[in-house]
Amino acid sequence: HGIILRRRPAVSAKKYQSIWLPEGSPLLVYSRKQA
């Protein structure tokens, strides 16, 4: 809470933005299709 959650979310969010699908998170999109 003092270091990681202050620094990492902004960096990780940019990475997620680079792979985000119109329907949402790829992992959730494909997992739903599998179900």
ModelCIF file with pLDDT and N, C-alpha, C, O atoms, coordinates in Angstrom:
data_MODEL
#
_entry.id   MODEL 
#
_entity.id                         1 
_entity.type                       polymer 
_entity.pdbx_number_of_molecules   1 
#
_entity_poly.entity_id                      1 
_entity_poly.type                           'polypeptide(L)' 
_entity_poly.nstd_linkage                   no 
_entity_poly.nstd_monomer                   no 
_entity_poly.pdbx_seq_one_letter_code       HGIILRRRPAVSAKKYQSIWLPEGSPLLVYSRKQA 
_entity_poly.pdbx_seq_one_letter_code_can   HGIILRRRPAVSAKKYQSIWLPEGSPLLVYSRKQA 
_entity_poly.pdbx_strand_id                 A 
#
loop_
_entity_poly_seq.entity_id 
_entity_poly_seq.num 
_entity_poly_seq.mon_id 
_entity_poly_seq.hetero 
1 1  HIS n 
1 2  GLY n 
1 3  ILE n 
1 4  ILE n 
1 5  LEU n 
1 6  ARG n 
1 7  ARG n 
1 8  ARG n 
1 9  PRO n 
1 10 ALA n 
1 11 VAL n 
1 12 SER n 
1 13 ALA n 
1 14 LYS n 
1 15 LYS n 
1 16 TYR n 
1 17 GLN n 
1 18 SER n 
1 19 ILE n 
1 20 TRP n 
1 21 LEU n 
1 22 PRO n 
1 23 GLU n 
1 24 GLY n 
1 25 SER n 
1 26 PRO n 
1 27 LEU n 
1 28 LEU n 
1 29 VAL n 
1 30 TYR n 
1 31 SER n 
1 32 ARG n 
1 33 LYS n 
1 34 GLN n 
1 35 ALA n 
#
_struct_asym.id          A 
_struct_asym.entity_id   1 
#
loop_
_ma_qa_metric.id 
_ma_qa_metric.mode 
_ma_qa_metric.name 
_ma_qa_metric.software_group_id 
_ma_qa_metric.type 
1 global pLDDT . pLDDT 
2 local  pLDDT . pLDDT 
#
_ma_qa_metric_global.metric_id      1 
_ma_qa_metric_global.metric_value   97.14 
_ma_qa_metric_global.model_id       1 
_ma_qa_metric_global.ordinal_id     1 
#
loop_
_ma_qa_metric_local.label_asym_id 
_ma_qa_metric_local.label_comp_id 
_ma_qa_metric_local.label_seq_id 
_ma_qa_metric_local.metric_id 
_ma_qa_metric_local.metric_value 
_ma_qa_metric_local.model_id 
_ma_qa_metric_local.ordinal_id 
A HIS 1  2 96.00 1 1  
A GLY 2  2 95.00 1 2  
A ILE 3  2 95.00 1 3  
A ILE 4  2 96.00 1 4  
A LEU 5  2 96.00 1 5  
A ARG 6  2 96.00 1 6  
A ARG 7  2 95.00 1 7  
A ARG 8  2 96.00 1 8  
A PRO 9  2 97.00 1 9  
A ALA 10 2 97.00 1 10 
A VAL 11 2 97.00 1 11 
A SER 12 2 97.00 1 12 
A ALA 13 2 98.00 1 13 
A LYS 14 2 98.00 1 14 
A LYS 15 2 98.00 1 15 
A TYR 16 2 98.00 1 16 
A GLN 17 2 98.00 1 17 
A SER 18 2 97.00 1 18 
A ILE 19 2 98.00 1 19 
A TRP 20 2 98.00 1 20 
A LEU 21 2 97.00 1 21 
A PRO 22 2 96.00 1 22 
A GLU 23 2 96.00 1 23 
A GLY 24 2 97.00 1 24 
A SER 25 2 98.00 1 25 
A PRO 26 2 98.00 1 26 
A LEU 27 2 98.00 1 27 
A LEU 28 2 98.00 1 28 
A VAL 29 2 98.00 1 29 
A TYR 30 2 98.00 1 30 
A SER 31 2 98.00 1 31 
A ARG 32 2 98.00 1 32 
A LYS 33 2 98.00 1 33 
A GLN 34 2 98.00 1 34 
A ALA 35 2 98.00 1 35 
#
loop_
_atom_site.group_PDB 
_atom_site.id 
_atom_site.type_symbol 
_atom_site.label_atom_id 
_atom_site.label_alt_id 
_atom_site.label_comp_id 
_atom_site.label_asym_id 
_atom_site.label_entity_id 
_atom_site.label_seq_id 
_atom_site.pdbx_PDB_ins_code 
_atom_site.Cartn_x 
_atom_site.Cartn_y 
_atom_site.Cartn_z 
_atom_site.occupancy 
_atom_site.B_iso_or_equiv 
_atom_site.pdbx_formal_charge 
_atom_site.auth_seq_id 
_atom_site.auth_comp_id 
_atom_site.auth_asym_id 
_atom_site.auth_atom_id 
_atom_site.pdbx_PDB_model_num 
ATOM 1   N N  . HIS A 1 1  ? 0.811   -1.223  0.000   1.00 96.00 ? 1  HIS A N  1 
ATOM 2   C CA . HIS A 1 1  ? 0.000   0.000   0.000   1.00 96.00 ? 1  HIS A CA 1 
ATOM 3   C C  . HIS A 1 1  ? 0.846   1.275   0.000   1.00 96.00 ? 1  HIS A C  1 
ATOM 4   O O  . HIS A 1 1  ? 0.392   2.323   -0.459  1.00 96.00 ? 1  HIS A O  1 
ATOM 5   N N  . GLY A 1 2  ? 2.057   1.186   0.508   1.00 95.00 ? 2  GLY A N  1 
ATOM 6   C CA . GLY A 1 2  ? 2.883   2.386   0.569   1.00 95.00 ? 2  GLY A CA 1 
ATOM 7   C C  . GLY A 1 2  ? 3.693   2.650   -0.681  1.00 95.00 ? 2  GLY A C  1 
ATOM 8   O O  . GLY A 1 2  ? 4.063   3.793   -0.948  1.00 95.00 ? 2  GLY A O  1 
ATOM 9   N N  . ILE A 1 3  ? 3.977   1.601   -1.459  1.00 95.00 ? 3  ILE A N  1 
ATOM 10  C CA . ILE A 1 3  ? 4.818   1.774   -2.649  1.00 95.00 ? 3  ILE A CA 1 
ATOM 11  C C  . ILE A 1 3  ? 4.128   1.254   -3.914  1.00 95.00 ? 3  ILE A C  1 
ATOM 12  O O  . ILE A 1 3  ? 3.876   2.018   -4.846  1.00 95.00 ? 3  ILE A O  1 
ATOM 13  N N  . ILE A 1 4  ? 3.826   -0.048  -3.941  1.00 96.00 ? 4  ILE A N  1 
ATOM 14  C CA . ILE A 1 4  ? 3.363   -0.694  -5.176  1.00 96.00 ? 4  ILE A CA 1 
ATOM 15  C C  . ILE A 1 4  ? 2.046   -0.108  -5.675  1.00 96.00 ? 4  ILE A C  1 
ATOM 16  O O  . ILE A 1 4  ? 1.926   0.224   -6.854  1.00 96.00 ? 4  ILE A O  1 
ATOM 17  N N  . LEU A 1 5  ? 1.064   0.020   -4.798  1.00 96.00 ? 5  LEU A N  1 
ATOM 18  C CA . LEU A 1 5  ? -0.252  0.499   -5.232  1.00 96.00 ? 5  LEU A CA 1 
ATOM 19  C C  . LEU A 1 5  ? -0.277  2.004   -5.491  1.00 96.00 ? 5  LEU A C  1 
ATOM 20  O O  . LEU A 1 5  ? -1.280  2.540   -5.963  1.00 96.00 ? 5  LEU A O  1 
ATOM 21  N N  . ARG A 1 6  ? 0.811   2.673   -5.187  1.00 96.00 ? 6  ARG A N  1 
ATOM 22  C CA . ARG A 1 6  ? 0.909   4.095   -5.543  1.00 96.00 ? 6  ARG A CA 1 
ATOM 23  C C  . ARG A 1 6  ? 1.570   4.290   -6.898  1.00 96.00 ? 6  ARG A C  1 
ATOM 24  O O  . ARG A 1 6  ? 1.304   5.277   -7.585  1.00 96.00 ? 6  ARG A O  1 
ATOM 25  N N  . ARG A 1 7  ? 2.427   3.361   -7.284  1.00 95.00 ? 7  ARG A N  1 
ATOM 26  C CA . ARG A 1 7  ? 3.203   3.530   -8.516  1.00 95.00 ? 7  ARG A CA 1 
ATOM 27  C C  . ARG A 1 7  ? 2.714   2.651   -9.670  1.00 95.00 ? 7  ARG A C  1 
ATOM 28  O O  . ARG A 1 7  ? 2.614   3.103   -10.811 1.00 95.00 ? 7  ARG A O  1 
ATOM 29  N N  . ARG A 1 8  ? 2.417   1.413   -9.358  1.00 96.00 ? 8  ARG A N  1 
ATOM 30  C CA . ARG A 1 8  ? 2.187   0.449   -10.434 1.00 96.00 ? 8  ARG A CA 1 
ATOM 31  C C  . ARG A 1 8  ? 0.871   0.624   -11.193 1.00 96.00 ? 8  ARG A C  1 
ATOM 32  O O  . ARG A 1 8  ? 0.860   0.385   -12.401 1.00 96.00 ? 8  ARG A O  1 
ATOM 33  N N  . PRO A 1 9  ? -0.252  1.028   -10.560 1.00 97.00 ? 9  PRO A N  1 
ATOM 34  C CA . PRO A 1 9  ? -1.512  1.104   -11.296 1.00 97.00 ? 9  PRO A CA 1 
ATOM 35  C C  . PRO A 1 9  ? -1.467  1.978   -12.546 1.00 97.00 ? 9  PRO A C  1 
ATOM 36  O O  . PRO A 1 9  ? -2.020  1.593   -13.577 1.00 97.00 ? 9  PRO A O  1 
ATOM 37  N N  . ALA A 1 10 ? -0.827  3.136   -12.481 1.00 97.00 ? 10 ALA A N  1 
ATOM 38  C CA . ALA A 1 10 ? -0.778  4.013   -13.649 1.00 97.00 ? 10 ALA A CA 1 
ATOM 39  C C  . ALA A 1 10 ? 0.008   3.377   -14.789 1.00 97.00 ? 10 ALA A C  1 
ATOM 40  O O  . ALA A 1 10 ? -0.383  3.475   -15.952 1.00 97.00 ? 10 ALA A O  1 
ATOM 41  N N  . VAL A 1 11 ? 1.124   2.719   -14.446 1.00 97.00 ? 11 VAL A N  1 
ATOM 42  C CA . VAL A 1 11 ? 1.943   2.053   -15.466 1.00 97.00 ? 11 VAL A CA 1 
ATOM 43  C C  . VAL A 1 11 ? 1.179   0.881   -16.072 1.00 97.00 ? 11 VAL A C  1 
ATOM 44  O O  . VAL A 1 11 ? 1.144   0.723   -17.293 1.00 97.00 ? 11 VAL A O  1 
ATOM 45  N N  . SER A 1 12 ? 0.568   0.062   -15.221 1.00 97.00 ? 12 SER A N  1 
ATOM 46  C CA . SER A 1 12 ? -0.169  -1.099  -15.707 1.00 97.00 ? 12 SER A CA 1 
ATOM 47  C C  . SER A 1 12 ? -1.395  -0.695  -16.515 1.00 97.00 ? 12 SER A C  1 
ATOM 48  O O  . SER A 1 12 ? -1.751  -1.368  -17.482 1.00 97.00 ? 12 SER A O  1 
ATOM 49  N N  . ALA A 1 13 ? -2.047  0.407   -16.124 1.00 98.00 ? 13 ALA A N  1 
ATOM 50  C CA . ALA A 1 13 ? -3.238  0.853   -16.859 1.00 98.00 ? 13 ALA A CA 1 
ATOM 51  C C  . ALA A 1 13 ? -2.895  1.171   -18.310 1.00 98.00 ? 13 ALA A C  1 
ATOM 52  O O  . ALA A 1 13 ? -3.671  0.857   -19.212 1.00 98.00 ? 13 ALA A O  1 
ATOM 53  N N  . LYS A 1 14 ? -1.746  1.785   -18.541 1.00 98.00 ? 14 LYS A N  1 
ATOM 54  C CA . LYS A 1 14 ? -1.332  2.074   -19.920 1.00 98.00 ? 14 LYS A CA 1 
ATOM 55  C C  . LYS A 1 14 ? -1.116  0.791   -20.711 1.00 98.00 ? 14 LYS A C  1 
ATOM 56  O O  . LYS A 1 14 ? -1.439  0.721   -21.897 1.00 98.00 ? 14 LYS A O  1 
ATOM 57  N N  . LYS A 1 15 ? -0.573  -0.214  -20.052 1.00 98.00 ? 15 LYS A N  1 
ATOM 58  C CA . LYS A 1 15 ? -0.378  -1.496  -20.726 1.00 98.00 ? 15 LYS A CA 1 
ATOM 59  C C  . LYS A 1 15 ? -1.723  -2.145  -21.054 1.00 98.00 ? 15 LYS A C  1 
ATOM 60  O O  . LYS A 1 15 ? -1.909  -2.683  -22.145 1.00 98.00 ? 15 LYS A O  1 
ATOM 61  N N  . TYR A 1 16 ? -2.650  -2.093  -20.111 1.00 98.00 ? 16 TYR A N  1 
ATOM 62  C CA . TYR A 1 16 ? -3.983  -2.637  -20.386 1.00 98.00 ? 16 TYR A CA 1 
ATOM 63  C C  . TYR A 1 16 ? -4.643  -1.890  -21.540 1.00 98.00 ? 16 TYR A C  1 
ATOM 64  O O  . TYR A 1 16 ? -5.307  -2.507  -22.373 1.00 98.00 ? 16 TYR A O  1 
ATOM 65  N N  . GLN A 1 17 ? -4.472  -0.585  -21.599 1.00 98.00 ? 17 GLN A N  1 
ATOM 66  C CA . GLN A 1 17 ? -5.074  0.186   -22.678 1.00 98.00 ? 17 GLN A CA 1 
ATOM 67  C C  . GLN A 1 17 ? -4.576  -0.258  -24.046 1.00 98.00 ? 17 GLN A C  1 
ATOM 68  O O  . GLN A 1 17 ? -5.304  -0.161  -25.034 1.00 98.00 ? 17 GLN A O  1 
ATOM 69  N N  . SER A 1 18 ? -3.335  -0.747  -24.111 1.00 97.00 ? 18 SER A N  1 
ATOM 70  C CA . SER A 1 18 ? -2.760  -1.154  -25.397 1.00 97.00 ? 18 SER A CA 1 
ATOM 71  C C  . SER A 1 18 ? -3.351  -2.457  -25.914 1.00 97.00 ? 18 SER A C  1 
ATOM 72  O O  . SER A 1 18 ? -3.206  -2.765  -27.097 1.00 97.00 ? 18 SER A O  1 
ATOM 73  N N  . ILE A 1 19 ? -4.026  -3.244  -25.044 1.00 98.00 ? 19 ILE A N  1 
ATOM 74  C CA . ILE A 1 19 ? -4.564  -4.536  -25.487 1.00 98.00 ? 19 ILE A CA 1 
ATOM 75  C C  . ILE A 1 19 ? -6.066  -4.662  -25.253 1.00 98.00 ? 19 ILE A C  1 
ATOM 76  O O  . ILE A 1 19 ? -6.653  -5.700  -25.560 1.00 98.00 ? 19 ILE A O  1 
ATOM 77  N N  . TRP A 1 20 ? -6.696  -3.614  -24.713 1.00 98.00 ? 20 TRP A N  1 
ATOM 78  C CA . TRP A 1 20 ? -8.122  -3.652  -24.377 1.00 98.00 ? 20 TRP A CA 1 
ATOM 79  C C  . TRP A 1 20 ? -8.960  -3.792  -25.642 1.00 98.00 ? 20 TRP A C  1 
ATOM 80  O O  . TRP A 1 20 ? -8.686  -3.135  -26.646 1.00 98.00 ? 20 TRP A O  1 
ATOM 81  N N  . LEU A 1 21 ? -9.974  -4.640  -25.597 1.00 97.00 ? 21 LEU A N  1 
ATOM 82  C CA . LEU A 1 21 ? -10.873 -4.854  -26.730 1.00 97.00 ? 21 LEU A CA 1 
ATOM 83  C C  . LEU A 1 21 ? -12.114 -3.971  -26.588 1.00 97.00 ? 21 LEU A C  1 
ATOM 84  O O  . LEU A 1 21 ? -12.410 -3.513  -25.484 1.00 97.00 ? 21 LEU A O  1 
ATOM 85  N N  . PRO A 1 22 ? -12.843 -3.724  -27.673 1.00 96.00 ? 22 PRO A N  1 
ATOM 86  C CA . PRO A 1 22 ? -14.087 -2.949  -27.560 1.00 96.00 ? 22 PRO A CA 1 
ATOM 87  C C  . PRO A 1 22 ? -15.069 -3.558  -26.557 1.00 96.00 ? 22 PRO A C  1 
ATOM 88  O O  . PRO A 1 22 ? -15.839 -2.841  -25.919 1.00 96.00 ? 22 PRO A O  1 
ATOM 89  N N  . GLU A 1 23 ? -15.034 -4.910  -26.423 1.00 96.00 ? 23 GLU A N  1 
ATOM 90  C CA . GLU A 1 23 ? -15.946 -5.583  -25.499 1.00 96.00 ? 23 GLU A CA 1 
ATOM 91  C C  . GLU A 1 23 ? -15.414 -5.612  -24.071 1.00 96.00 ? 23 GLU A C  1 
ATOM 92  O O  . GLU A 1 23 ? -16.131 -5.979  -23.139 1.00 96.00 ? 23 GLU A O  1 
ATOM 93  N N  . GLY A 1 24 ? -14.132 -5.217  -23.903 1.00 97.00 ? 24 GLY A N  1 
ATOM 94  C CA . GLY A 1 24 ? -13.553 -5.217  -22.566 1.00 97.00 ? 24 GLY A CA 1 
ATOM 95  C C  . GLY A 1 24 ? -12.229 -5.950  -22.501 1.00 97.00 ? 24 GLY A C  1 
ATOM 96  O O  . GLY A 1 24 ? -11.522 -6.065  -23.503 1.00 97.00 ? 24 GLY A O  1 
ATOM 97  N N  . SER A 1 25 ? -11.899 -6.442  -21.328 1.00 98.00 ? 25 SER A N  1 
ATOM 98  C CA . SER A 1 25 ? -10.644 -7.157  -21.102 1.00 98.00 ? 25 SER A CA 1 
ATOM 99  C C  . SER A 1 25 ? -10.586 -8.423  -21.941 1.00 98.00 ? 25 SER A C  1 
ATOM 100 O O  . SER A 1 25 ? -11.539 -9.202  -21.914 1.00 98.00 ? 25 SER A O  1 
ATOM 101 N N  . PRO A 1 26 ? -9.509  -8.664  -22.688 1.00 98.00 ? 26 PRO A N  1 
ATOM 102 C CA . PRO A 1 26 ? -9.418  -9.895  -23.488 1.00 98.00 ? 26 PRO A CA 1 
ATOM 103 C C  . PRO A 1 26 ? -9.619  -11.154 -22.672 1.00 98.00 ? 26 PRO A C  1 
ATOM 104 O O  . PRO A 1 26 ? -10.304 -12.076 -23.116 1.00 98.00 ? 26 PRO A O  1 
ATOM 105 N N  . LEU A 1 27 ? -9.027  -11.210 -21.473 1.00 98.00 ? 27 LEU A N  1 
ATOM 106 C CA . LEU A 1 27 ? -9.162  -12.414 -20.663 1.00 98.00 ? 27 LEU A CA 1 
ATOM 107 C C  . LEU A 1 27 ? -10.616 -12.687 -20.327 1.00 98.00 ? 27 LEU A C  1 
ATOM 108 O O  . LEU A 1 27 ? -11.061 -13.834 -20.388 1.00 98.00 ? 27 LEU A O  1 
ATOM 109 N N  . LEU A 1 28 ? -11.362 -11.652 -19.975 1.00 98.00 ? 28 LEU A N  1 
ATOM 110 C CA . LEU A 1 28 ? -12.765 -11.834 -19.632 1.00 98.00 ? 28 LEU A CA 1 
ATOM 111 C C  . LEU A 1 28 ? -13.590 -12.153 -20.869 1.00 98.00 ? 28 LEU A C  1 
ATOM 112 O O  . LEU A 1 28 ? -14.482 -13.001 -20.822 1.00 98.00 ? 28 LEU A O  1 
ATOM 113 N N  . VAL A 1 29 ? -13.298 -11.480 -21.973 1.00 98.00 ? 29 VAL A N  1 
ATOM 114 C CA . VAL A 1 29 ? -14.043 -11.708 -23.223 1.00 98.00 ? 29 VAL A CA 1 
ATOM 115 C C  . VAL A 1 29 ? -13.903 -13.160 -23.673 1.00 98.00 ? 29 VAL A C  1 
ATOM 116 O O  . VAL A 1 29 ? -14.899 -13.819 -23.968 1.00 98.00 ? 29 VAL A O  1 
ATOM 117 N N  . TYR A 1 30 ? -12.670 -13.656 -23.727 1.00 98.00 ? 30 TYR A N  1 
ATOM 118 C CA . TYR A 1 30 ? -12.459 -15.022 -24.204 1.00 98.00 ? 30 TYR A CA 1 
ATOM 119 C C  . TYR A 1 30 ? -12.935 -16.056 -23.198 1.00 98.00 ? 30 TYR A C  1 
ATOM 120 O O  . TYR A 1 30 ? -13.438 -17.111 -23.588 1.00 98.00 ? 30 TYR A O  1 
ATOM 121 N N  . SER A 1 31 ? -12.787 -15.774 -21.921 1.00 98.00 ? 31 SER A N  1 
ATOM 122 C CA . SER A 1 31 ? -13.258 -16.723 -20.906 1.00 98.00 ? 31 SER A CA 1 
ATOM 123 C C  . SER A 1 31 ? -14.776 -16.859 -20.971 1.00 98.00 ? 31 SER A C  1 
ATOM 124 O O  . SER A 1 31 ? -15.308 -17.957 -20.803 1.00 98.00 ? 31 SER A O  1 
ATOM 125 N N  . ARG A 1 32 ? -15.469 -15.763 -21.211 1.00 98.00 ? 32 ARG A N  1 
ATOM 126 C CA . ARG A 1 32 ? -16.927 -15.823 -21.353 1.00 98.00 ? 32 ARG A CA 1 
ATOM 127 C C  . ARG A 1 32 ? -17.320 -16.648 -22.560 1.00 98.00 ? 32 ARG A C  1 
ATOM 128 O O  . ARG A 1 32 ? -18.264 -17.435 -22.500 1.00 98.00 ? 32 ARG A O  1 
ATOM 129 N N  . LYS A 1 33 ? -16.604 -16.471 -23.652 1.00 98.00 ? 33 LYS A N  1 
ATOM 130 C CA . LYS A 1 33 ? -16.899 -17.256 -24.849 1.00 98.00 ? 33 LYS A CA 1 
ATOM 131 C C  . LYS A 1 33 ? -16.690 -18.740 -24.580 1.00 98.00 ? 33 LYS A C  1 
ATOM 132 O O  . LYS A 1 33 ? -17.473 -19.571 -25.039 1.00 98.00 ? 33 LYS A O  1 
ATOM 133 N N  . GLN A 1 34 ? -15.649 -19.074 -23.844 1.00 98.00 ? 34 GLN A N  1 
ATOM 134 C CA . GLN A 1 34 ? -15.401 -20.476 -23.510 1.00 98.00 ? 34 GLN A CA 1 
ATOM 135 C C  . GLN A 1 34 ? -16.562 -21.056 -22.711 1.00 98.00 ? 34 GLN A C  1 
ATOM 136 O O  . GLN A 1 34 ? -16.990 -22.182 -22.963 1.00 98.00 ? 34 GLN A O  1 
ATOM 137 N N  . ALA A 1 35 ? -17.074 -20.288 -21.746 1.00 98.00 ? 35 ALA A N  1 
ATOM 138 C CA . ALA A 1 35 ? -18.175 -20.781 -20.920 1.00 98.00 ? 35 ALA A CA 1 
ATOM 139 C C  . ALA A 1 35 ? -19.433 -20.999 -21.744 1.00 98.00 ? 35 ALA A C  1 
ATOM 140 O O  . ALA A 1 35 ? -20.460 -21.413 -21.206 1.00 98.00 ? 35 ALA A O  1 
#
